[in-house]
Amino acid sequence: MDEYPIKRPLQRKPIHPGEILRGDVLPAVGLSISETARKLGVSRQQLHRVLACTHPITTEMALRIGKFAGNGPELWLRLQQNYDLWHAEKRLKSELDRIEASAGVVGL
């Protein structure tokens, strides 16, 4: 699978991975939240918080969802990371604008 770099900063708000899970994955598999939670090995409340976009996809949850959906954990972690970075960039914009890039540091 090809990877496409994301240019920073994103202009549009990224979608929360819970919204993709709720809107695309669950309808495709045709399971209830309770049944999906059971198959993932998590509580219904924990899954509901992710689906409501109030809690992030953790590495453990990404492993579970990636296995369940058949697309691996990396996709879910990238979606969460993009979502988190966008919000952090907006929240810290004025602070980040005051930080000067160091000329002596080379890309790792």
PDB file of N, CA and C in Angstrom:
ATOM      1  N   MET A   1       0.848  -1.171   0.000  1.00  0.00           N
ATOM      2  CA  MET A   1       0.000   0.000   0.000  1.00  0.00           C
ATOM      3  C   MET A   1       0.893   1.234   0.000  1.00  0.00           C
ATOM      4  N   ASP A   2       0.592   2.201  -0.864  1.00  0.00           N
ATOM      5  CA  ASP A   2       1.347   3.439  -0.942  1.00  0.00           C
ATOM      6  C   ASP A   2       0.993   4.347   0.222  1.00  0.00           C
ATOM      7  N   GLU A   3       1.996   5.100   0.668  1.00  0.00           N
ATOM      8  CA  GLU A   3       1.774   6.090   1.715  1.00  0.00           C
ATOM      9  C   GLU A   3       1.901   7.466   1.078  1.00  0.00           C
ATOM     10  N   TYR A   4       1.049   8.364   1.491  1.00  0.00           N
ATOM     11  CA  TYR A   4       1.069   9.722   0.965  1.00  0.00           C
ATOM     12  C   TYR A   4       1.368  10.672   2.110  1.00  0.00           C
ATOM     13  N   PRO A   5       2.433  11.478   1.959  1.00  0.00           N
ATOM     14  CA  PRO A   5       2.774  12.408   3.042  1.00  0.00           C
ATOM     15  C   PRO A   5       1.690  13.471   3.209  1.00  0.00           C
ATOM     16  N   ILE A   6       1.515  13.885   4.419  1.00  0.00           N
ATOM     17  CA  ILE A   6       0.539  14.933   4.727  1.00  0.00           C
ATOM     18  C   ILE A   6       1.298  16.228   4.950  1.00  0.00           C
ATOM     19  N   LYS A   7       0.898  17.263   4.242  1.00  0.00           N
ATOM     20  CA  LYS A   7       1.548  18.556   4.385  1.00  0.00           C
ATOM     21  C   LYS A   7       1.031  19.233   5.639  1.00  0.00           C
ATOM     22  N   ARG A   8       1.937  19.787   6.403  1.00  0.00           N
ATOM     23  CA  ARG A   8       1.584  20.481   7.619  1.00  0.00           C
ATOM     24  C   ARG A   8       1.610  21.966   7.351  1.00  0.00           C
ATOM     25  N   PRO A   9       0.845  22.764   7.958  1.00  0.00           N
ATOM     26  CA  PRO A   9      -0.316  22.348   8.744  1.00  0.00           C
ATOM     27  C   PRO A   9      -1.520  22.084   7.831  1.00  0.00           C
ATOM     28  N   LEU A  10      -2.334  21.169   8.256  1.00  0.00           N
ATOM     29  CA  LEU A  10      -3.570  20.897   7.527  1.00  0.00           C
ATOM     30  C   LEU A  10      -4.503  22.087   7.673  1.00  0.00           C
ATOM     31  N   GLN A  11      -5.172  22.451   6.609  1.00  0.00           N
ATOM     32  CA  GLN A  11      -6.096  23.576   6.668  1.00  0.00           C
ATOM     33  C   GLN A  11      -7.468  23.158   7.183  1.00  0.00           C
ATOM     34  N   ARG A  12      -7.842  21.928   6.900  1.00  0.00           N
ATOM     35  CA  ARG A  12      -9.152  21.465   7.340  1.00  0.00           C
ATOM     36  C   ARG A  12      -8.993  20.582   8.577  1.00  0.00           C
ATOM     37  N   LYS A  13     -10.008  20.569   9.369  1.00  0.00           N
ATOM     38  CA  LYS A  13     -10.001  19.754  10.582  1.00  0.00           C
ATOM     39  C   LYS A  13     -10.055  18.278  10.197  1.00  0.00           C
ATOM     40  N   PRO A  14      -9.095  17.471  10.667  1.00  0.00           N
ATOM     41  CA  PRO A  14      -9.134  16.040  10.355  1.00  0.00           C
ATOM     42  C   PRO A  14     -10.296  15.360  11.081  1.00  0.00           C
ATOM     43  N   ILE A  15     -10.751  14.285  10.510  1.00  0.00           N
ATOM     44  CA  ILE A  15     -11.845  13.527  11.098  1.00  0.00           C
ATOM     45  C   ILE A  15     -11.304  12.656  12.235  1.00  0.00           C
ATOM     46  N   HIS A  16     -12.063  12.552  13.299  1.00  0.00           N
ATOM     47  CA  HIS A  16     -11.693  11.674  14.419  1.00  0.00           C
ATOM     48  C   HIS A  16     -11.854  10.228  13.955  1.00  0.00           C
ATOM     49  N   PRO A  17     -10.913   9.350  14.298  1.00  0.00           N
ATOM     50  CA  PRO A  17     -11.030   7.953  13.857  1.00  0.00           C
ATOM     51  C   PRO A  17     -12.301   7.263  14.354  1.00  0.00           C
ATOM     52  N   GLY A  18     -12.841   7.709  15.474  1.00  0.00           N
ATOM     53  CA  GLY A  18     -14.093   7.142  15.964  1.00  0.00           C
ATOM     54  C   GLY A  18     -15.244   7.397  15.016  1.00  0.00           C
ATOM     55  N   GLU A  19     -15.186   8.537  14.324  1.00  0.00           N
ATOM     56  CA  GLU A  19     -16.235   8.855  13.355  1.00  0.00           C
ATOM     57  C   GLU A  19     -16.169   7.915  12.153  1.00  0.00           C
ATOM     58  N   ILE A  20     -14.979   7.563  11.740  1.00  0.00           N
ATOM     59  CA  ILE A  20     -14.808   6.610  10.637  1.00  0.00           C
ATOM     60  C   ILE A  20     -15.272   5.228  11.064  1.00  0.00           C
ATOM     61  N   LEU A  21     -14.913   4.853  12.279  1.00  0.00           N
ATOM     62  CA  LEU A  21     -15.347   3.564  12.809  1.00  0.00           C
ATOM     63  C   LEU A  21     -16.871   3.502  12.870  1.00  0.00           C
ATOM     64  N   ARG A  22     -17.483   4.570  13.373  1.00  0.00           N
ATOM     65  CA  ARG A  22     -18.951   4.644  13.504  1.00  0.00           C
ATOM     66  C   ARG A  22     -19.661   4.723  12.158  1.00  0.00           C
ATOM     67  N   GLY A  23     -19.123   5.520  11.250  1.00  0.00           N
ATOM     68  CA  GLY A  23     -19.810   5.776   9.996  1.00  0.00           C
ATOM     69  C   GLY A  23     -19.530   4.793   8.875  1.00  0.00           C
ATOM     70  N   ASP A  24     -18.361   4.148   8.916  1.00  0.00           N
ATOM     71  CA  ASP A  24     -17.977   3.260   7.813  1.00  0.00           C
ATOM     72  C   ASP A  24     -17.831   1.800   8.221  1.00  0.00           C
ATOM     73  N   VAL A  25     -17.087   1.561   9.293  1.00  0.00           N
ATOM     74  CA  VAL A  25     -16.770   0.172   9.663  1.00  0.00           C
ATOM     75  C   VAL A  25     -17.972  -0.547  10.256  1.00  0.00           C
ATOM     76  N   LEU A  26     -18.597   0.038  11.264  1.00  0.00           N
ATOM     77  CA  LEU A  26     -19.721  -0.658  11.902  1.00  0.00           C
ATOM     78  C   LEU A  26     -20.880  -0.923  10.947  1.00  0.00           C
ATOM     79  N   PRO A  27     -21.282   0.037  10.117  1.00  0.00           N
ATOM     80  CA  PRO A  27     -22.344  -0.295   9.161  1.00  0.00           C
ATOM     81  C   PRO A  27     -21.940  -1.403   8.187  1.00  0.00           C
ATOM     82  N   ALA A  28     -20.665  -1.439   7.811  1.00  0.00           N
ATOM     83  CA  ALA A  28     -20.207  -2.457   6.857  1.00  0.00           C
ATOM     84  C   ALA A  28     -20.265  -3.861   7.448  1.00  0.00           C
ATOM     85  N   VAL A  29     -19.981  -3.978   8.753  1.00  0.00           N
ATOM     86  CA  VAL A  29     -20.010  -5.310   9.378  1.00  0.00           C
ATOM     87  C   VAL A  29     -21.389  -5.655   9.928  1.00  0.00           C
ATOM     88  N   GLY A  30     -22.245  -4.650  10.082  1.00  0.00           N
ATOM     89  CA  GLY A  30     -23.618  -4.898  10.509  1.00  0.00           C
ATOM     90  C   GLY A  30     -23.782  -5.382  11.933  1.00  0.00           C
ATOM     91  N   LEU A  31     -22.881  -4.951  12.824  1.00  0.00           N
ATOM     92  CA  LEU A  31     -22.958  -5.366  14.224  1.00  0.00           C
ATOM     93  C   LEU A  31     -23.355  -4.194  15.113  1.00  0.00           C
ATOM     94  N   SER A  32     -23.974  -4.513  16.230  1.00  0.00           N
ATOM     95  CA  SER A  32     -24.305  -3.488  17.221  1.00  0.00           C
ATOM     96  C   SER A  32     -23.026  -3.060  17.944  1.00  0.00           C
ATOM     97  N   ILE A  33     -23.134  -1.973  18.679  1.00  0.00           N
ATOM     98  CA  ILE A  33     -21.995  -1.511  19.475  1.00  0.00           C
ATOM     99  C   ILE A  33     -21.637  -2.562  20.521  1.00  0.00           C
ATOM    100  N   SER A  34     -22.631  -3.152  21.148  1.00  0.00           N
ATOM    101  CA  SER A  34     -22.368  -4.169  22.167  1.00  0.00           C
ATOM    102  C   SER A  34     -21.649  -5.377  21.584  1.00  0.00           C
ATOM    103  N   GLU A  35     -22.109  -5.837  20.433  1.00  0.00           N
ATOM    104  CA  GLU A  35     -21.492  -6.997  19.794  1.00  0.00           C
ATOM    105  C   GLU A  35     -20.079  -6.668  19.316  1.00  0.00           C
ATOM    106  N   THR A  36     -19.900  -5.484  18.771  1.00  0.00           N
ATOM    107  CA  THR A  36     -18.566  -5.067  18.329  1.00  0.00           C
ATOM    108  C   THR A  36     -17.620  -4.967  19.512  1.00  0.00           C
ATOM    109  N   ALA A  37     -18.087  -4.389  20.611  1.00  0.00           N
ATOM    110  CA  ALA A  37     -17.259  -4.286  21.819  1.00  0.00           C
ATOM    111  C   ALA A  37     -16.846  -5.669  22.307  1.00  0.00           C
ATOM    112  N   ARG A  38     -17.776  -6.607  22.273  1.00  0.00           N
ATOM    113  CA  ARG A  38     -17.466  -7.966  22.710  1.00  0.00           C
ATOM    114  C   ARG A  38     -16.390  -8.572  21.815  1.00  0.00           C
ATOM    115  N   LYS A  39     -16.530  -8.396  20.514  1.00  0.00           N
ATOM    116  CA  LYS A  39     -15.540  -8.945  19.577  1.00  0.00           C
ATOM    117  C   LYS A  39     -14.180  -8.273  19.735  1.00  0.00           C
ATOM    118  N   LEU A  40     -14.176  -6.985  20.082  1.00  0.00           N
ATOM    119  CA  LEU A  40     -12.915  -6.269  20.303  1.00  0.00           C
ATOM    120  C   LEU A  40     -12.295  -6.576  21.662  1.00  0.00           C
ATOM    121  N   GLY A  41     -13.098  -7.108  22.574  1.00  0.00           N
ATOM    122  CA  GLY A  41     -12.604  -7.383  23.923  1.00  0.00           C
ATOM    123  C   GLY A  41     -12.511  -6.153  24.798  1.00  0.00           C
ATOM    124  N   VAL A  42     -13.419  -5.194  24.561  1.00  0.00           N
ATOM    125  CA  VAL A  42     -13.463  -3.966  25.365  1.00  0.00           C
ATOM    126  C   VAL A  42     -14.885  -3.776  25.870  1.00  0.00           C
ATOM    127  N   SER A  43     -15.040  -2.867  26.813  1.00  0.00           N
ATOM    128  CA  SER A  43     -16.387  -2.587  27.317  1.00  0.00           C
ATOM    129  C   SER A  43     -17.172  -1.779  26.288  1.00  0.00           C
ATOM    130  N   ARG A  44     -18.470  -1.889  26.375  1.00  0.00           N
ATOM    131  CA  ARG A  44     -19.350  -1.119  25.499  1.00  0.00           C
ATOM    132  C   ARG A  44     -19.136   0.377  25.736  1.00  0.00           C
ATOM    133  N   GLN A  45     -18.937   0.758  26.987  1.00  0.00           N
ATOM    134  CA  GLN A  45     -18.717   2.160  27.319  1.00  0.00           C
ATOM    135  C   GLN A  45     -17.421   2.681  26.691  1.00  0.00           C
ATOM    136  N   GLN A  46     -16.375   1.863  26.740  1.00  0.00           N
ATOM    137  CA  GLN A  46     -15.098   2.277  26.153  1.00  0.00           C
ATOM    138  C   GLN A  46     -15.242   2.489  24.645  1.00  0.00           C
ATOM    139  N   LEU A  47     -15.890   1.564  23.982  1.00  0.00           N
ATOM    140  CA  LEU A  47     -16.109   1.702  22.538  1.00  0.00           C
ATOM    141  C   LEU A  47     -17.009   2.902  22.243  1.00  0.00           C
ATOM    142  N   HIS A  48     -18.036   3.082  23.045  1.00  0.00           N
ATOM    143  CA  HIS A  48     -18.952   4.206  22.821  1.00  0.00           C
ATOM    144  C   HIS A  48     -18.221   5.539  22.934  1.00  0.00           C
ATOM    145  N   ARG A  49     -17.292   5.666  23.873  1.00  0.00           N
ATOM    146  CA  ARG A  49     -16.524   6.913  24.016  1.00  0.00           C
ATOM    147  C   ARG A  49     -15.692   7.194  22.771  1.00  0.00           C
ATOM    148  N   VAL A  50     -15.120   6.158  22.173  1.00  0.00           N
ATOM    149  CA  VAL A  50     -14.357   6.338  20.929  1.00  0.00           C
ATOM    150  C   VAL A  50     -15.303   6.731  19.801  1.00  0.00           C
ATOM    151  N   LEU A  51     -16.436   6.042  19.700  1.00  0.00           N
ATOM    152  CA  LEU A  51     -17.402   6.334  18.638  1.00  0.00           C
ATOM    153  C   LEU A  51     -17.991   7.732  18.777  1.00  0.00           C
ATOM    154  N   ALA A  52     -18.099   8.220  20.004  1.00  0.00           N
ATOM    155  CA  ALA A  52     -18.615   9.571  20.255  1.00  0.00           C
ATOM    156  C   ALA A  52     -17.536  10.632  20.061  1.00  0.00           C
ATOM    157  N   CYS A  53     -16.329  10.195  19.736  1.00  0.00           N
ATOM    158  CA  CYS A  53     -15.193  11.087  19.478  1.00  0.00           C
ATOM    159  C   CYS A  53     -14.776  11.883  20.704  1.00  0.00           C
ATOM    160  N   THR A  54     -15.033  11.331  21.891  1.00  0.00           N
ATOM    161  CA  THR A  54     -14.614  12.005  23.119  1.00  0.00           C
ATOM    162  C   THR A  54     -13.327  11.418  23.684  1.00  0.00           C
ATOM    163  N   HIS A  55     -12.915  10.257  23.167  1.00  0.00           N
ATOM    164  CA  HIS A  55     -11.679   9.610  23.615  1.00  0.00           C
ATOM    165  C   HIS A  55     -10.847   9.194  22.405  1.00  0.00           C
ATOM    166  N   PRO A  56      -9.528   9.211  22.568  1.00  0.00           N
ATOM    167  CA  PRO A  56      -8.658   8.874  21.443  1.00  0.00           C
ATOM    168  C   PRO A  56      -8.558   7.361  21.212  1.00  0.00           C
ATOM    169  N   ILE A  57      -8.047   7.028  20.045  1.00  0.00           N
ATOM    170  CA  ILE A  57      -7.685   5.651  19.734  1.00  0.00           C
ATOM    171  C   ILE A  57      -6.308   5.427  20.349  1.00  0.00           C
ATOM    172  N   THR A  58      -6.223   4.570  21.337  1.00  0.00           N
ATOM    173  CA  THR A  58      -4.936   4.240  21.952  1.00  0.00           C
ATOM    174  C   THR A  58      -4.231   3.194  21.094  1.00  0.00           C
ATOM    175  N   THR A  59      -2.975   2.933  21.405  1.00  0.00           N
ATOM    176  CA  THR A  59      -2.257   1.902  20.653  1.00  0.00           C
ATOM    177  C   THR A  59      -2.934   0.548  20.809  1.00  0.00           C
ATOM    178  N   GLU A  60      -3.415   0.263  22.010  1.00  0.00           N
ATOM    179  CA  GLU A  60      -4.095  -1.004  22.241  1.00  0.00           C
ATOM    180  C   GLU A  60      -5.397  -1.092  21.446  1.00  0.00           C
ATOM    181  N   MET A  61      -6.146  -0.002  21.433  1.00  0.00           N
ATOM    182  CA  MET A  61      -7.397   0.017  20.676  1.00  0.00           C
ATOM    183  C   MET A  61      -7.103  -0.068  19.185  1.00  0.00           C
ATOM    184  N   ALA A  62      -6.043   0.590  18.724  1.00  0.00           N
ATOM    185  CA  ALA A  62      -5.667   0.518  17.310  1.00  0.00           C
ATOM    186  C   ALA A  62      -5.337  -0.919  16.911  1.00  0.00           C
ATOM    187  N   LEU A  63      -4.669  -1.637  17.776  1.00  0.00           N
ATOM    188  CA  LEU A  63      -4.377  -3.049  17.497  1.00  0.00           C
ATOM    189  C   LEU A  63      -5.670  -3.848  17.364  1.00  0.00           C
ATOM    190  N   ARG A  64      -6.603  -3.611  18.268  1.00  0.00           N
ATOM    191  CA  ARG A  64      -7.873  -4.338  18.256  1.00  0.00           C
ATOM    192  C   ARG A  64      -8.706  -3.996  17.008  1.00  0.00           C
ATOM    193  N   ILE A  65      -8.841  -2.690  16.732  1.00  0.00           N
ATOM    194  CA  ILE A  65      -9.645  -2.265  15.584  1.00  0.00           C
ATOM    195  C   ILE A  65      -8.980  -2.683  14.276  1.00  0.00           C
ATOM    196  N   GLY A  66      -7.667  -2.557  14.207  1.00  0.00           N
ATOM    197  CA  GLY A  66      -6.945  -2.958  13.009  1.00  0.00           C
ATOM    198  C   GLY A  66      -7.117  -4.428  12.692  1.00  0.00           C
ATOM    199  N   LYS A  67      -7.115  -5.245  13.724  1.00  0.00           N
ATOM    200  CA  LYS A  67      -7.349  -6.687  13.527  1.00  0.00           C
ATOM    201  C   LYS A  67      -8.798  -6.929  13.116  1.00  0.00           C
ATOM    202  N   PHE A  68      -9.726  -6.286  13.805  1.00  0.00           N
ATOM    203  CA  PHE A  68     -11.152  -6.447  13.536  1.00  0.00           C
ATOM    204  C   PHE A  68     -11.503  -6.004  12.112  1.00  0.00           C
ATOM    205  N   ALA A  69     -10.997  -4.841  11.702  1.00  0.00           N
ATOM    206  CA  ALA A  69     -11.327  -4.286  10.386  1.00  0.00           C
ATOM    207  C   ALA A  69     -10.450  -4.872   9.277  1.00  0.00           C
ATOM    208  N   GLY A  70      -9.359  -5.505   9.665  1.00  0.00           N
ATOM    209  CA  GLY A  70      -8.487  -6.115   8.674  1.00  0.00           C
ATOM    210  C   GLY A  70      -7.561  -5.149   7.963  1.00  0.00           C
ATOM    211  N   ASN A  71      -7.371  -3.953   8.537  1.00  0.00           N
ATOM    212  CA  ASN A  71      -6.512  -2.969   7.874  1.00  0.00           C
ATOM    213  C   ASN A  71      -5.311  -2.553   8.722  1.00  0.00           C
ATOM    214  N   GLY A  72      -5.076  -3.234   9.829  1.00  0.00           N
ATOM    215  CA  GLY A  72      -3.896  -2.976  10.644  1.00  0.00           C
ATOM    216  C   GLY A  72      -4.014  -1.760  11.546  1.00  0.00           C
ATOM    217  N   PRO A  73      -3.190  -1.710  12.578  1.00  0.00           N
ATOM    218  CA  PRO A  73      -3.254  -0.623  13.558  1.00  0.00           C
ATOM    219  C   PRO A  73      -2.671   0.699  13.071  1.00  0.00           C
ATOM    220  N   GLU A  74      -1.767   0.649  12.101  1.00  0.00           N
ATOM    221  CA  GLU A  74      -1.093   1.875  11.673  1.00  0.00           C
ATOM    222  C   GLU A  74      -2.062   2.915  11.133  1.00  0.00           C
ATOM    223  N   LEU A  75      -3.029   2.484  10.369  1.00  0.00           N
ATOM    224  CA  LEU A  75      -4.031   3.415   9.838  1.00  0.00           C
ATOM    225  C   LEU A  75      -4.728   4.159  10.965  1.00  0.00           C
ATOM    226  N   TRP A  76      -5.173   3.450  11.968  1.00  0.00           N
ATOM    227  CA  TRP A  76      -5.921   4.048  13.083  1.00  0.00           C
ATOM    228  C   TRP A  76      -5.040   4.971  13.909  1.00  0.00           C
ATOM    229  N   LEU A  77      -3.773   4.599  14.078  1.00  0.00           N
ATOM    230  CA  LEU A  77      -2.857   5.465  14.817  1.00  0.00           C
ATOM    231  C   LEU A  77      -2.539   6.732  14.027  1.00  0.00           C
ATOM    232  N   ARG A  78      -2.376   6.615  12.702  1.00  0.00           N
ATOM    233  CA  ARG A  78      -2.134   7.814  11.886  1.00  0.00           C
ATOM    234  C   ARG A  78      -3.328   8.751  11.908  1.00  0.00           C
ATOM    235  N   LEU A  79      -4.527   8.189  11.828  1.00  0.00           N
ATOM    236  CA  LEU A  79      -5.723   9.026  11.901  1.00  0.00           C
ATOM    237  C   LEU A  79      -5.771   9.778  13.226  1.00  0.00           C
ATOM    238  N   GLN A  80      -5.487   9.079  14.328  1.00  0.00           N
ATOM    239  CA  GLN A  80      -5.511   9.718  15.646  1.00  0.00           C
ATOM    240  C   GLN A  80      -4.406  10.756  15.759  1.00  0.00           C
ATOM    241  N   GLN A  81      -3.221  10.419  15.259  1.00  0.00           N
ATOM    242  CA  GLN A  81      -2.105  11.351  15.329  1.00  0.00           C
ATOM    243  C   GLN A  81      -2.406  12.633  14.537  1.00  0.00           C
ATOM    244  N   ASN A  82      -2.953  12.495  13.356  1.00  0.00           N
ATOM    245  CA  ASN A  82      -3.310  13.679  12.556  1.00  0.00           C
ATOM    246  C   ASN A  82      -4.352  14.527  13.269  1.00  0.00           C
ATOM    247  N   TYR A  83      -5.329  13.877  13.870  1.00  0.00           N
ATOM    248  CA  TYR A  83      -6.376  14.576  14.620  1.00  0.00           C
ATOM    249  C   TYR A  83      -5.756  15.328  15.804  1.00  0.00           C
ATOM    250  N   ASP A  84      -4.903  14.649  16.568  1.00  0.00           N
ATOM    251  CA  ASP A  84      -4.268  15.258  17.744  1.00  0.00           C
ATOM    252  C   ASP A  84      -3.345  16.406  17.352  1.00  0.00           C
ATOM    253  N   LEU A  85      -2.537  16.202  16.296  1.00  0.00           N
ATOM    254  CA  LEU A  85      -1.619  17.254  15.859  1.00  0.00           C
ATOM    255  C   LEU A  85      -2.364  18.504  15.412  1.00  0.00           C
ATOM    256  N   TRP A  86      -3.423  18.345  14.663  1.00  0.00           N
ATOM    257  CA  TRP A  86      -4.186  19.495  14.186  1.00  0.00           C
ATOM    258  C   TRP A  86      -4.706  20.320  15.359  1.00  0.00           C
ATOM    259  N   HIS A  87      -5.287  19.625  16.336  1.00  0.00           N
ATOM    260  CA  HIS A  87      -5.835  20.333  17.495  1.00  0.00           C
ATOM    261  C   HIS A  87      -4.728  20.978  18.336  1.00  0.00           C
ATOM    262  N   ALA A  88      -3.603  20.289  18.498  1.00  0.00           N
ATOM    263  CA  ALA A  88      -2.493  20.853  19.267  1.00  0.00           C
ATOM    264  C   ALA A  88      -1.909  22.073  18.550  1.00  0.00           C
ATOM    265  N   GLU A  89      -1.773  22.004  17.226  1.00  0.00           N
ATOM    266  CA  GLU A  89      -1.264  23.150  16.464  1.00  0.00           C
ATOM    267  C   GLU A  89      -2.167  24.364  16.614  1.00  0.00           C
ATOM    268  N   LYS A  90      -3.461  24.147  16.591  1.00  0.00           N
ATOM    269  CA  LYS A  90      -4.400  25.265  16.759  1.00  0.00           C
ATOM    270  C   LYS A  90      -4.309  25.837  18.178  1.00  0.00           C
ATOM    271  N   ARG A  91      -4.237  24.942  19.163  1.00  0.00           N
ATOM    272  CA  ARG A  91      -4.207  25.367  20.561  1.00  0.00           C
ATOM    273  C   ARG A  91      -2.902  26.092  20.907  1.00  0.00           C
ATOM    274  N   LEU A  92      -1.782  25.670  20.306  1.00  0.00           N
ATOM    275  CA  LEU A  92      -0.471  26.218  20.650  1.00  0.00           C
ATOM    276  C   LEU A  92       0.069  27.219  19.631  1.00  0.00           C
ATOM    277  N   LYS A  93      -0.754  27.637  18.696  1.00  0.00           N
ATOM    278  CA  LYS A  93      -0.284  28.470  17.594  1.00  0.00           C
ATOM    279  C   LYS A  93       0.533  29.669  18.048  1.00  0.00           C
ATOM    280  N   SER A  94       0.045  30.440  18.977  1.00  0.00           N
ATOM    281  CA  SER A  94       0.775  31.648  19.386  1.00  0.00           C
ATOM    282  C   SER A  94       2.109  31.289  20.033  1.00  0.00           C
ATOM    283  N   GLU A  95       2.161  30.214  20.798  1.00  0.00           N
ATOM    284  CA  GLU A  95       3.426  29.782  21.405  1.00  0.00           C
ATOM    285  C   GLU A  95       4.391  29.275  20.346  1.00  0.00           C
ATOM    286  N   LEU A  96       3.892  28.481  19.398  1.00  0.00           N
ATOM    287  CA  LEU A  96       4.750  27.931  18.356  1.00  0.00           C
ATOM    288  C   LEU A  96       5.304  29.024  17.460  1.00  0.00           C
ATOM    289  N   ASP A  97       4.531  30.079  17.234  1.00  0.00           N
ATOM    290  CA  ASP A  97       4.989  31.191  16.402  1.00  0.00           C
ATOM    291  C   ASP A  97       6.188  31.902  17.020  1.00  0.00           C
ATOM    292  N   ARG A  98       6.323  31.836  18.328  1.00  0.00           N
ATOM    293  CA  ARG A  98       7.441  32.500  19.015  1.00  0.00           C
ATOM    294  C   ARG A  98       8.710  31.647  19.037  1.00  0.00           C
ATOM    295  N   ILE A  99       8.630  30.393  18.675  1.00  0.00           N
ATOM    296  CA  ILE A  99       9.797  29.504  18.703  1.00  0.00           C
ATOM    297  C   ILE A  99      10.538  29.606  17.380  1.00  0.00           C
ATOM    298  N   GLU A 100      11.830  29.914  17.478  1.00  0.00           N
ATOM    299  CA  GLU A 100      12.660  30.007  16.279  1.00  0.00           C
ATOM    300  C   GLU A 100      13.286  28.644  16.008  1.00  0.00           C
ATOM    301  N   ALA A 101      13.350  28.288  14.719  1.00  0.00           N
ATOM    302  CA  ALA A 101      14.000  27.038  14.333  1.00  0.00           C
ATOM    303  C   ALA A 101      15.504  27.193  14.517  1.00  0.00           C
ATOM    304  N   SER A 102      16.131  26.183  15.045  1.00  0.00           N
ATOM    305  CA  SER A 102      17.572  26.178  15.249  1.00  0.00           C
ATOM    306  C   SER A 102      18.269  25.839  13.940  1.00  0.00           C
ATOM    307  N   ALA A 103      19.246  26.640  13.563  1.00  0.00           N
ATOM    308  CA  ALA A 103      19.962  26.413  12.302  1.00  0.00           C
ATOM    309  C   ALA A 103      20.929  25.233  12.411  1.00  0.00           C
ATOM    310  N   GLY A 104      21.286  24.829  13.617  1.00  0.00           N
ATOM    311  CA  GLY A 104      22.284  23.789  13.797  1.00  0.00           C
ATOM    312  C   GLY A 104      21.756  22.364  13.821  1.00  0.00           C
ATOM    313  N   VAL A 105      20.457  22.204  13.806  1.00  0.00           N
ATOM    314  CA  VAL A 105      19.878  20.863  13.905  1.00  0.00           C
ATOM    315  C   VAL A 105      19.530  20.391  12.498  1.00  0.00           C
ATOM    316  N   VAL A 106      19.998  19.182  12.187  1.00  0.00           N
ATOM    317  CA  VAL A 106      19.736  18.591  10.872  1.00  0.00           C
ATOM    318  C   VAL A 106      18.671  17.529  11.050  1.00  0.00           C
ATOM    319  N   GLY A 107      17.851  17.314  10.026  1.00  0.00           N
ATOM    320  CA  GLY A 107      16.799  16.304  10.083  1.00  0.00           C
ATOM    321  C   GLY A 107      17.335  14.938  10.513  1.00  0.00           C
ATOM    322  N   LEU A 108      16.590  14.281  11.356  1.00  0.00           N
ATOM    323  CA  LEU A 108      17.000  12.978  11.859  1.00  0.00           C
ATOM    324  C   LEU A 108      16.612  11.968  10.832  1.00  0.00           C
TER     325      LEU A 108
END
